[in-house]
Amino acid sequence: MRLLKIVILAIMLLAVALFGASYQMPLQIEVEQSIVLDAKPEQVYTLLENPAEWEQWNAVNTTADPSMIRMYSGPMSGSGARMEWSGDKVGTGVVVFTESIIPNRLTYRQSDKSSSDTTNGIFTLEQVEDGHTKLHWRQTATVKDEPIARLFGAWQKYKKQEELDKGLSGLKSILLKKAAQPVSKRRVANM
Protein backbone atom coordinates (compact mmCIF):
# COMPACT_ATOMS: atom_id res chain seq x y z
CA MET A 1 0.00 0.00 0.00
CA ARG A 2 2.83 2.36 0.87
CA LEU A 3 4.54 1.65 -2.47
CA LEU A 4 1.32 2.52 -4.31
CA LYS A 5 1.15 5.89 -2.49
CA ILE A 6 4.77 6.64 -3.46
CA VAL A 7 4.11 5.77 -7.10
CA ILE A 8 0.96 7.92 -7.21
CA LEU A 9 2.75 10.82 -5.52
CA ALA A 10 5.68 10.51 -7.98
CA ILE A 11 3.27 10.55 -10.95
CA MET A 12 1.49 13.61 -9.57
CA LEU A 13 4.79 15.43 -9.00
CA LEU A 14 5.93 14.56 -12.52
CA ALA A 15 2.64 15.85 -13.98
CA VAL A 16 2.97 19.13 -12.03
CA ALA A 17 6.61 19.49 -13.13
CA LEU A 18 5.71 18.90 -16.80
CA PHE A 19 2.81 21.33 -16.55
CA GLY A 20 5.07 24.00 -15.05
CA ALA A 21 7.86 23.31 -17.54
CA SER A 22 5.43 23.64 -20.44
CA TYR A 23 4.91 27.31 -19.63
CA GLN A 24 8.63 27.88 -20.00
CA MET A 25 8.43 26.67 -23.61
CA PRO A 26 8.08 29.33 -26.36
CA LEU A 27 4.83 29.92 -28.22
CA GLN A 28 6.66 30.15 -31.54
CA ILE A 29 8.82 27.56 -33.24
CA GLU A 30 11.61 28.96 -35.36
CA VAL A 31 14.11 26.90 -37.33
CA GLU A 32 16.64 28.02 -39.89
CA GLN A 33 19.50 26.59 -41.84
CA SER A 34 21.92 27.88 -44.47
CA ILE A 35 24.06 26.20 -47.09
CA VAL A 36 26.41 27.35 -49.85
CA LEU A 37 25.61 25.63 -53.14
CA ASP A 38 27.82 25.29 -56.21
CA ALA A 39 25.30 26.91 -58.57
CA LYS A 40 24.04 30.33 -59.57
CA PRO A 41 20.97 31.71 -57.74
CA GLU A 42 18.87 31.32 -60.91
CA GLN A 43 19.68 27.59 -61.06
CA VAL A 44 18.77 27.08 -57.41
CA TYR A 45 15.64 29.22 -57.65
CA THR A 46 14.13 27.07 -60.43
CA LEU A 47 14.15 24.09 -58.03
CA LEU A 48 12.41 26.14 -55.33
CA GLU A 49 9.76 28.15 -57.19
CA ASN A 50 8.05 25.21 -58.92
CA PRO A 51 6.23 22.96 -56.42
CA ALA A 52 6.52 20.00 -58.83
CA GLU A 53 10.31 20.16 -58.32
CA TRP A 54 9.98 19.72 -54.54
CA GLU A 55 9.53 15.96 -54.91
CA GLN A 56 13.18 15.74 -55.98
CA TRP A 57 14.71 17.38 -52.92
CA ASN A 58 12.17 17.94 -50.14
CA ALA A 59 12.12 15.60 -47.12
CA VAL A 60 8.34 15.21 -47.49
CA ASN A 61 8.28 12.95 -50.54
CA THR A 62 7.39 9.45 -51.73
CA THR A 63 10.60 8.07 -50.24
CA ALA A 64 9.33 9.11 -46.80
CA ASP A 65 5.79 7.93 -47.62
CA PRO A 66 5.27 5.70 -50.69
CA SER A 67 1.48 6.24 -50.49
CA MET A 68 1.92 10.00 -50.94
CA ILE A 69 -0.11 11.69 -53.67
CA ARG A 70 0.56 15.29 -54.81
CA MET A 71 -1.81 17.66 -56.59
CA TYR A 72 -0.87 21.02 -58.10
CA SER A 73 -2.94 24.10 -58.88
CA GLY A 74 -2.51 27.76 -59.67
CA PRO A 75 0.44 28.97 -61.73
CA MET A 76 3.23 26.47 -62.45
CA SER A 77 5.70 28.50 -60.41
CA GLY A 78 6.12 31.61 -58.32
CA SER A 79 3.50 33.48 -56.32
CA GLY A 80 0.18 31.62 -56.21
CA ALA A 81 1.61 28.20 -57.09
CA ARG A 82 0.05 25.56 -54.89
CA MET A 83 0.79 21.97 -53.94
CA GLU A 84 -1.43 19.66 -51.89
CA TRP A 85 -0.45 16.23 -50.65
CA SER A 86 -1.94 13.27 -48.88
CA GLY A 87 -0.24 10.18 -47.50
CA ASP A 88 -0.49 7.60 -44.75
CA LYS A 89 2.68 8.80 -42.97
CA VAL A 90 2.90 12.46 -43.99
CA GLY A 91 -0.81 13.25 -43.54
CA THR A 92 -2.56 15.89 -45.62
CA GLY A 93 -1.30 19.38 -46.23
CA VAL A 94 -0.95 22.27 -48.60
CA VAL A 95 1.83 24.70 -49.56
CA VAL A 96 1.00 28.02 -51.22
CA PHE A 97 3.76 30.29 -52.50
CA THR A 98 2.91 33.78 -51.28
CA GLU A 99 5.74 35.91 -52.69
CA SER A 100 8.30 35.37 -55.42
CA ILE A 101 11.19 37.74 -56.10
CA ILE A 102 13.29 36.01 -58.77
CA PRO A 103 16.03 34.86 -57.96
CA ASN A 104 16.39 36.27 -54.45
CA ARG A 105 13.42 35.32 -52.29
CA LEU A 106 10.49 32.92 -52.12
CA THR A 107 7.96 32.84 -49.28
CA TYR A 108 5.27 30.25 -48.62
CA ARG A 109 2.57 29.21 -46.20
CA GLN A 110 2.25 25.52 -45.33
CA SER A 111 -0.86 24.18 -43.60
CA ASP A 112 -1.68 20.82 -42.10
CA LYS A 113 -5.28 20.00 -43.04
CA SER A 114 -5.84 17.73 -40.04
CA SER A 115 -5.15 20.59 -37.60
CA SER A 116 -4.95 24.35 -37.59
CA ASP A 117 -1.14 24.29 -37.70
CA THR A 118 0.40 26.75 -40.15
CA THR A 119 4.07 27.21 -40.98
CA ASN A 120 5.46 30.26 -42.74
CA GLY A 121 8.63 29.68 -44.71
CA ILE A 122 11.10 31.79 -46.59
CA PHE A 123 13.99 30.98 -48.90
CA THR A 124 16.57 33.74 -49.31
CA LEU A 125 19.24 33.38 -51.99
CA GLU A 126 22.43 35.41 -52.17
CA GLN A 127 25.16 35.12 -54.77
CA VAL A 128 28.57 34.68 -53.19
CA GLU A 129 32.08 34.25 -54.65
CA ASP A 130 32.73 32.22 -57.81
CA GLY A 131 29.06 31.91 -58.83
CA HIS A 132 28.05 30.04 -55.70
CA THR A 133 24.75 30.66 -53.90
CA LYS A 134 24.13 30.99 -50.19
CA LEU A 135 20.65 29.63 -49.53
CA HIS A 136 19.02 30.47 -46.22
CA TRP A 137 15.81 28.59 -45.31
CA ARG A 138 13.71 29.72 -42.36
CA GLN A 139 10.42 28.38 -41.00
CA THR A 140 8.23 29.74 -38.21
CA ALA A 141 5.09 28.31 -36.66
CA THR A 142 2.91 29.32 -33.74
CA VAL A 143 2.14 26.86 -30.95
CA LYS A 144 -1.21 26.89 -29.14
CA ASP A 145 -1.08 28.29 -25.63
CA GLU A 146 -1.85 24.94 -24.00
CA PRO A 147 0.54 22.85 -21.86
CA ILE A 148 0.52 19.75 -24.08
CA ALA A 149 0.78 21.83 -27.28
CA ARG A 150 3.77 23.70 -25.84
CA LEU A 151 5.53 20.44 -24.94
CA PHE A 152 4.71 19.02 -28.37
CA GLY A 153 6.23 22.19 -29.86
CA ALA A 154 9.71 20.99 -28.84
CA TRP A 155 9.15 17.79 -30.86
CA GLN A 156 7.80 19.81 -33.82
CA LYS A 157 10.90 22.02 -33.76
CA TYR A 158 13.14 18.95 -33.88
CA LYS A 159 11.17 17.50 -36.83
CA LYS A 160 11.19 20.80 -38.73
CA GLN A 161 14.95 21.16 -38.26
CA GLU A 162 15.40 17.61 -39.55
CA GLU A 163 13.19 18.48 -42.56
CA LEU A 164 15.34 21.53 -43.37
CA ASP A 165 18.57 19.55 -43.09
CA LYS A 166 17.28 16.80 -45.41
CA GLY A 167 15.86 19.32 -47.87
CA LEU A 168 19.07 21.31 -48.18
CA SER A 169 21.09 18.10 -48.56
CA GLY A 170 18.68 17.03 -51.29
CA LEU A 171 19.11 20.33 -53.13
CA LYS A 172 22.88 20.03 -52.92
CA SER A 173 22.76 16.48 -54.24
CA ILE A 174 20.56 17.42 -57.23
CA LEU A 175 22.76 20.36 -58.15
CA LEU A 176 25.89 18.19 -57.94
CA LYS A 177 24.28 15.59 -60.23
CA LYS A 178 23.29 18.29 -62.74
CA ALA A 179 26.82 19.75 -62.70
CA ALA A 180 28.29 16.27 -63.31
CA GLN A 181 26.09 15.65 -66.38
CA PRO A 182 27.78 16.16 -69.75
CA VAL A 183 26.78 19.46 -71.38
CA SER A 184 24.85 17.71 -74.21
CA LYS A 185 22.62 15.83 -71.70
CA ARG A 186 21.97 19.02 -69.72
CA ARG A 187 20.76 20.77 -72.87
CA VAL A 188 18.36 17.90 -73.69
CA ALA A 189 17.07 17.79 -70.10
CA ASN A 190 16.42 21.56 -70.07
CA MET A 191 14.44 21.58 -73.35
C-alpha atoms as a PDB file:
ATOM      1  CA  MET A   1       0.000   0.000   0.000  1.00  0.00           C
ATOM      2  CA  ARG A   2       2.828   2.355   0.871  1.00  0.00           C
ATOM      3  CA  LEU A   3       4.543   1.646  -2.473  1.00  0.00           C
ATOM      4  CA  LEU A   4       1.319   2.517  -4.311  1.00  0.00           C
ATOM      5  CA  LYS A   5       1.153   5.885  -2.494  1.00  0.00           C
ATOM      6  CA  ILE A   6       4.768   6.636  -3.455  1.00  0.00           C
ATOM      7  CA  VAL A   7       4.109   5.773  -7.097  1.00  0.00           C
ATOM      8  CA  ILE A   8       0.961   7.916  -7.214  1.00  0.00           C
ATOM      9  CA  LEU A   9       2.755  10.818  -5.524  1.00  0.00           C
ATOM     10  CA  ALA A  10       5.677  10.515  -7.984  1.00  0.00           C
ATOM     11  CA  ILE A  11       3.274  10.547 -10.946  1.00  0.00           C
ATOM     12  CA  MET A  12       1.491  13.609  -9.575  1.00  0.00           C
ATOM     13  CA  LEU A  13       4.787  15.428  -8.996  1.00  0.00           C
ATOM     14  CA  LEU A  14       5.931  14.556 -12.519  1.00  0.00           C
ATOM     15  CA  ALA A  15       2.640  15.854 -13.977  1.00  0.00           C
ATOM     16  CA  VAL A  16       2.975  19.129 -12.027  1.00  0.00           C
ATOM     17  CA  ALA A  17       6.609  19.495 -13.130  1.00  0.00           C
ATOM     18  CA  LEU A  18       5.715  18.901 -16.799  1.00  0.00           C
ATOM     19  CA  PHE A  19       2.809  21.331 -16.547  1.00  0.00           C
ATOM     20  CA  GLY A  20       5.073  24.003 -15.047  1.00  0.00           C
ATOM     21  CA  ALA A  21       7.863  23.314 -17.536  1.00  0.00           C
ATOM     22  CA  SER A  22       5.426  23.640 -20.441  1.00  0.00           C
ATOM     23  CA  TYR A  23       4.910  27.311 -19.631  1.00  0.00           C
ATOM     24  CA  GLN A  24       8.634  27.877 -20.003  1.00  0.00           C
ATOM     25  CA  MET A  25       8.428  26.675 -23.614  1.00  0.00           C
ATOM     26  CA  PRO A  26       8.081  29.326 -26.361  1.00  0.00           C
ATOM     27  CA  LEU A  27       4.831  29.923 -28.220  1.00  0.00           C
ATOM     28  CA  GLN A  28       6.659  30.152 -31.539  1.00  0.00           C
ATOM     29  CA  ILE A  29       8.821  27.556 -33.241  1.00  0.00           C
ATOM     30  CA  GLU A  30      11.608  28.960 -35.364  1.00  0.00           C
ATOM     31  CA  VAL A  31      14.109  26.899 -37.330  1.00  0.00           C
ATOM     32  CA  GLU A  32      16.636  28.018 -39.895  1.00  0.00           C
ATOM     33  CA  GLN A  33      19.503  26.587 -41.844  1.00  0.00           C
ATOM     34  CA  SER A  34      21.921  27.880 -44.472  1.00  0.00           C
ATOM     35  CA  ILE A  35      24.063  26.198 -47.088  1.00  0.00           C
ATOM     36  CA  VAL A  36      26.406  27.355 -49.849  1.00  0.00           C
ATOM     37  CA  LEU A  37      25.609  25.630 -53.144  1.00  0.00           C
ATOM     38  CA  ASP A  38      27.817  25.293 -56.206  1.00  0.00           C
ATOM     39  CA  ALA A  39      25.301  26.906 -58.567  1.00  0.00           C
ATOM     40  CA  LYS A  40      24.040  30.326 -59.568  1.00  0.00           C
ATOM     41  CA  PRO A  41      20.965  31.709 -57.736  1.00  0.00           C
ATOM     42  CA  GLU A  42      18.870  31.320 -60.913  1.00  0.00           C
ATOM     43  CA  GLN A  43      19.678  27.589 -61.064  1.00  0.00           C
ATOM     44  CA  VAL A  44      18.767  27.077 -57.406  1.00  0.00           C
ATOM     45  CA  TYR A  45      15.638  29.216 -57.647  1.00  0.00           C
ATOM     46  CA  THR A  46      14.126  27.075 -60.425  1.00  0.00           C
ATOM     47  CA  LEU A  47      14.147  24.095 -58.032  1.00  0.00           C
ATOM     48  CA  LEU A  48      12.412  26.144 -55.326  1.00  0.00           C
ATOM     49  CA  GLU A  49       9.756  28.155 -57.190  1.00  0.00           C
ATOM     50  CA  ASN A  50       8.048  25.209 -58.919  1.00  0.00           C
ATOM     51  CA  PRO A  51       6.228  22.961 -56.419  1.00  0.00           C
ATOM     52  CA  ALA A  52       6.516  20.005 -58.827  1.00  0.00           C
ATOM     53  CA  GLU A  53      10.310  20.161 -58.321  1.00  0.00           C
ATOM     54  CA  TRP A  54       9.983  19.725 -54.536  1.00  0.00           C
ATOM     55  CA  GLU A  55       9.526  15.962 -54.911  1.00  0.00           C
ATOM     56  CA  GLN A  56      13.182  15.736 -55.984  1.00  0.00           C
ATOM     57  CA  TRP A  57      14.707  17.375 -52.925  1.00  0.00           C
ATOM     58  CA  ASN A  58      12.168  17.939 -50.143  1.00  0.00           C
ATOM     59  CA  ALA A  59      12.121  15.600 -47.120  1.00  0.00           C
ATOM     60  CA  VAL A  60       8.344  15.208 -47.489  1.00  0.00           C
ATOM     61  CA  ASN A  61       8.281  12.947 -50.541  1.00  0.00           C
ATOM     62  CA  THR A  62       7.391   9.451 -51.732  1.00  0.00           C
ATOM     63  CA  THR A  63      10.596   8.072 -50.239  1.00  0.00           C
ATOM     64  CA  ALA A  64       9.326   9.106 -46.799  1.00  0.00           C
ATOM     65  CA  ASP A  65       5.785   7.928 -47.620  1.00  0.00           C
ATOM     66  CA  PRO A  66       5.269   5.696 -50.693  1.00  0.00           C
ATOM     67  CA  SER A  67       1.484   6.241 -50.491  1.00  0.00           C
ATOM     68  CA  MET A  68       1.917   9.997 -50.944  1.00  0.00           C
ATOM     69  CA  ILE A  69      -0.115  11.694 -53.673  1.00  0.00           C
ATOM     70  CA  ARG A  70       0.557  15.294 -54.811  1.00  0.00           C
ATOM     71  CA  MET A  71      -1.811  17.664 -56.586  1.00  0.00           C
ATOM     72  CA  TYR A  72      -0.868  21.021 -58.098  1.00  0.00           C
ATOM     73  CA  SER A  73      -2.936  24.098 -58.883  1.00  0.00           C
ATOM     74  CA  GLY A  74      -2.506  27.763 -59.668  1.00  0.00           C
ATOM     75  CA  PRO A  75       0.436  28.966 -61.728  1.00  0.00           C
ATOM     76  CA  MET A  76       3.231  26.465 -62.450  1.00  0.00           C
ATOM     77  CA  SER A  77       5.704  28.502 -60.412  1.00  0.00           C
ATOM     78  CA  GLY A  78       6.118  31.608 -58.317  1.00  0.00           C
ATOM     79  CA  SER A  79       3.500  33.481 -56.323  1.00  0.00           C
ATOM     80  CA  GLY A  80       0.176  31.625 -56.210  1.00  0.00           C
ATOM     81  CA  ALA A  81       1.613  28.204 -57.087  1.00  0.00           C
ATOM     82  CA  ARG A  82       0.047  25.557 -54.892  1.00  0.00           C
ATOM     83  CA  MET A  83       0.786  21.968 -53.936  1.00  0.00           C
ATOM     84  CA  GLU A  84      -1.430  19.663 -51.894  1.00  0.00           C
ATOM     85  CA  TRP A  85      -0.449  16.228 -50.648  1.00  0.00           C
ATOM     86  CA  SER A  86      -1.942  13.267 -48.884  1.00  0.00           C
ATOM     87  CA  GLY A  87      -0.244  10.184 -47.505  1.00  0.00           C
ATOM     88  CA  ASP A  88      -0.491   7.601 -44.753  1.00  0.00           C
ATOM     89  CA  LYS A  89       2.675   8.800 -42.971  1.00  0.00           C
ATOM     90  CA  VAL A  90       2.895  12.464 -43.995  1.00  0.00           C
ATOM     91  CA  GLY A  91      -0.807  13.248 -43.539  1.00  0.00           C
ATOM     92  CA  THR A  92      -2.555  15.889 -45.623  1.00  0.00           C
ATOM     93  CA  GLY A  93      -1.298  19.380 -46.235  1.00  0.00           C
ATOM     94  CA  VAL A  94      -0.954  22.274 -48.604  1.00  0.00           C
ATOM     95  CA  VAL A  95       1.832  24.703 -49.558  1.00  0.00           C
ATOM     96  CA  VAL A  96       0.996  28.022 -51.220  1.00  0.00           C
ATOM     97  CA  PHE A  97       3.755  30.293 -52.500  1.00  0.00           C
ATOM     98  CA  THR A  98       2.909  33.783 -51.282  1.00  0.00           C
ATOM     99  CA  GLU A  99       5.743  35.910 -52.690  1.00  0.00           C
ATOM    100  CA  SER A 100       8.305  35.372 -55.418  1.00  0.00           C
ATOM    101  CA  ILE A 101      11.186  37.737 -56.103  1.00  0.00           C
ATOM    102  CA  ILE A 102      13.287  36.009 -58.767  1.00  0.00           C
ATOM    103  CA  PRO A 103      16.026  34.864 -57.964  1.00  0.00           C
ATOM    104  CA  ASN A 104      16.390  36.267 -54.448  1.00  0.00           C
ATOM    105  CA  ARG A 105      13.420  35.320 -52.292  1.00  0.00           C
ATOM    106  CA  LEU A 106      10.485  32.919 -52.120  1.00  0.00           C
ATOM    107  CA  THR A 107       7.958  32.841 -49.283  1.00  0.00           C
ATOM    108  CA  TYR A 108       5.270  30.249 -48.620  1.00  0.00           C
ATOM    109  CA  ARG A 109       2.568  29.207 -46.200  1.00  0.00           C
ATOM    110  CA  GLN A 110       2.249  25.522 -45.326  1.00  0.00           C
ATOM    111  CA  SER A 111      -0.861  24.181 -43.599  1.00  0.00           C
ATOM    112  CA  ASP A 112      -1.683  20.822 -42.103  1.00  0.00           C
ATOM    113  CA  LYS A 113      -5.279  20.002 -43.043  1.00  0.00           C
ATOM    114  CA  SER A 114      -5.836  17.731 -40.038  1.00  0.00           C
ATOM    115  CA  SER A 115      -5.153  20.588 -37.603  1.00  0.00           C
ATOM    116  CA  SER A 116      -4.952  24.352 -37.591  1.00  0.00           C
ATOM    117  CA  ASP A 117      -1.136  24.292 -37.696  1.00  0.00           C
ATOM    118  CA  THR A 118       0.400  26.751 -40.153  1.00  0.00           C
ATOM    119  CA  THR A 119       4.067  27.207 -40.984  1.00  0.00           C
ATOM    120  CA  ASN A 120       5.460  30.260 -42.735  1.00  0.00           C
ATOM    121  CA  GLY A 121       8.627  29.681 -44.706  1.00  0.00           C
ATOM    122  CA  ILE A 122      11.101  31.794 -46.586  1.00  0.00           C
ATOM    123  CA  PHE A 123      13.987  30.978 -48.897  1.00  0.00           C
ATOM    124  CA  THR A 124      16.574  33.737 -49.308  1.00  0.00           C
ATOM    125  CA  LEU A 125      19.242  33.376 -51.992  1.00  0.00           C
ATOM    126  CA  GLU A 126      22.425  35.408 -52.175  1.00  0.00           C
ATOM    127  CA  GLN A 127      25.161  35.121 -54.772  1.00  0.00           C
ATOM    128  CA  VAL A 128      28.570  34.676 -53.187  1.00  0.00           C
ATOM    129  CA  GLU A 129      32.079  34.247 -54.648  1.00  0.00           C
ATOM    130  CA  ASP A 130      32.726  32.219 -57.812  1.00  0.00           C
ATOM    131  CA  GLY A 131      29.065  31.908 -58.833  1.00  0.00           C
ATOM    132  CA  HIS A 132      28.045  30.036 -55.703  1.00  0.00           C
ATOM    133  CA  THR A 133      24.751  30.660 -53.905  1.00  0.00           C
ATOM    134  CA  LYS A 134      24.128  30.994 -50.193  1.00  0.00           C
ATOM    135  CA  LEU A 135      20.646  29.632 -49.529  1.00  0.00           C
ATOM    136  CA  HIS A 136      19.021  30.470 -46.215  1.00  0.00           C
ATOM    137  CA  TRP A 137      15.809  28.593 -45.309  1.00  0.00           C
ATOM    138  CA  ARG A 138      13.714  29.723 -42.360  1.00  0.00           C
ATOM    139  CA  GLN A 139      10.418  28.381 -41.004  1.00  0.00           C
ATOM    140  CA  THR A 140       8.231  29.742 -38.214  1.00  0.00           C
ATOM    141  CA  ALA A 141       5.087  28.306 -36.658  1.00  0.00           C
ATOM    142  CA  THR A 142       2.905  29.320 -33.736  1.00  0.00           C
ATOM    143  CA  VAL A 143       2.138  26.863 -30.952  1.00  0.00           C
ATOM    144  CA  LYS A 144      -1.213  26.887 -29.141  1.00  0.00           C
ATOM    145  CA  ASP A 145      -1.082  28.290 -25.630  1.00  0.00           C
ATOM    146  CA  GLU A 146      -1.850  24.936 -24.004  1.00  0.00           C
ATOM    147  CA  PRO A 147       0.535  22.854 -21.861  1.00  0.00           C
ATOM    148  CA  ILE A 148       0.524  19.754 -24.077  1.00  0.00           C
ATOM    149  CA  ALA A 149       0.785  21.827 -27.279  1.00  0.00           C
ATOM    150  CA  ARG A 150       3.770  23.704 -25.839  1.00  0.00           C
ATOM    151  CA  LEU A 151       5.532  20.443 -24.937  1.00  0.00           C
ATOM    152  CA  PHE A 152       4.714  19.022 -28.369  1.00  0.00           C
ATOM    153  CA  GLY A 153       6.233  22.187 -29.861  1.00  0.00           C
ATOM    154  CA  ALA A 154       9.708  20.993 -28.844  1.00  0.00           C
ATOM    155  CA  TRP A 155       9.153  17.792 -30.862  1.00  0.00           C
ATOM    156  CA  GLN A 156       7.803  19.812 -33.815  1.00  0.00           C
ATOM    157  CA  LYS A 157      10.895  22.025 -33.761  1.00  0.00           C
ATOM    158  CA  TYR A 158      13.144  18.952 -33.884  1.00  0.00           C
ATOM    159  CA  LYS A 159      11.169  17.495 -36.829  1.00  0.00           C
ATOM    160  CA  LYS A 160      11.188  20.798 -38.731  1.00  0.00           C
ATOM    161  CA  GLN A 161      14.951  21.157 -38.256  1.00  0.00           C
ATOM    162  CA  GLU A 162      15.405  17.611 -39.550  1.00  0.00           C
ATOM    163  CA  GLU A 163      13.195  18.481 -42.557  1.00  0.00           C
ATOM    164  CA  LEU A 164      15.339  21.530 -43.371  1.00  0.00           C
ATOM    165  CA  ASP A 165      18.571  19.546 -43.091  1.00  0.00           C
ATOM    166  CA  LYS A 166      17.282  16.800 -45.414  1.00  0.00           C
ATOM    167  CA  GLY A 167      15.858  19.316 -47.868  1.00  0.00           C
ATOM    168  CA  LEU A 168      19.075  21.305 -48.175  1.00  0.00           C
ATOM    169  CA  SER A 169      21.091  18.096 -48.556  1.00  0.00           C
ATOM    170  CA  GLY A 170      18.676  17.025 -51.290  1.00  0.00           C
ATOM    171  CA  LEU A 171      19.109  20.334 -53.133  1.00  0.00           C
ATOM    172  CA  LYS A 172      22.880  20.035 -52.918  1.00  0.00           C
ATOM    173  CA  SER A 173      22.758  16.479 -54.239  1.00  0.00           C
ATOM    174  CA  ILE A 174      20.557  17.422 -57.228  1.00  0.00           C
ATOM    175  CA  LEU A 175      22.760  20.362 -58.152  1.00  0.00           C
ATOM    176  CA  LEU A 176      25.892  18.194 -57.937  1.00  0.00           C
ATOM    177  CA  LYS A 177      24.284  15.592 -60.233  1.00  0.00           C
ATOM    178  CA  LYS A 178      23.291  18.293 -62.742  1.00  0.00           C
ATOM    179  CA  ALA A 179      26.821  19.746 -62.699  1.00  0.00           C
ATOM    180  CA  ALA A 180      28.286  16.267 -63.313  1.00  0.00           C
ATOM    181  CA  GLN A 181      26.093  15.646 -66.379  1.00  0.00           C
ATOM    182  CA  PRO A 182      27.779  16.156 -69.752  1.00  0.00           C
ATOM    183  CA  VAL A 183      26.776  19.464 -71.385  1.00  0.00           C
ATOM    184  CA  SER A 184      24.851  17.707 -74.209  1.00  0.00           C
ATOM    185  CA  LYS A 185      22.616  15.825 -71.699  1.00  0.00           C
ATOM    186  CA  ARG A 186      21.966  19.018 -69.719  1.00  0.00           C
ATOM    187  CA  ARG A 187      20.757  20.772 -72.873  1.00  0.00           C
ATOM    188  CA  VAL A 188      18.357  17.903 -73.693  1.00  0.00           C
ATOM    189  CA  ALA A 189      17.073  17.789 -70.103  1.00  0.00           C
ATOM    190  CA  ASN A 190      16.420  21.559 -70.072  1.00  0.00           C
ATOM    191  CA  MET A 191      14.444  21.580 -73.346  1.00  0.00           C
END
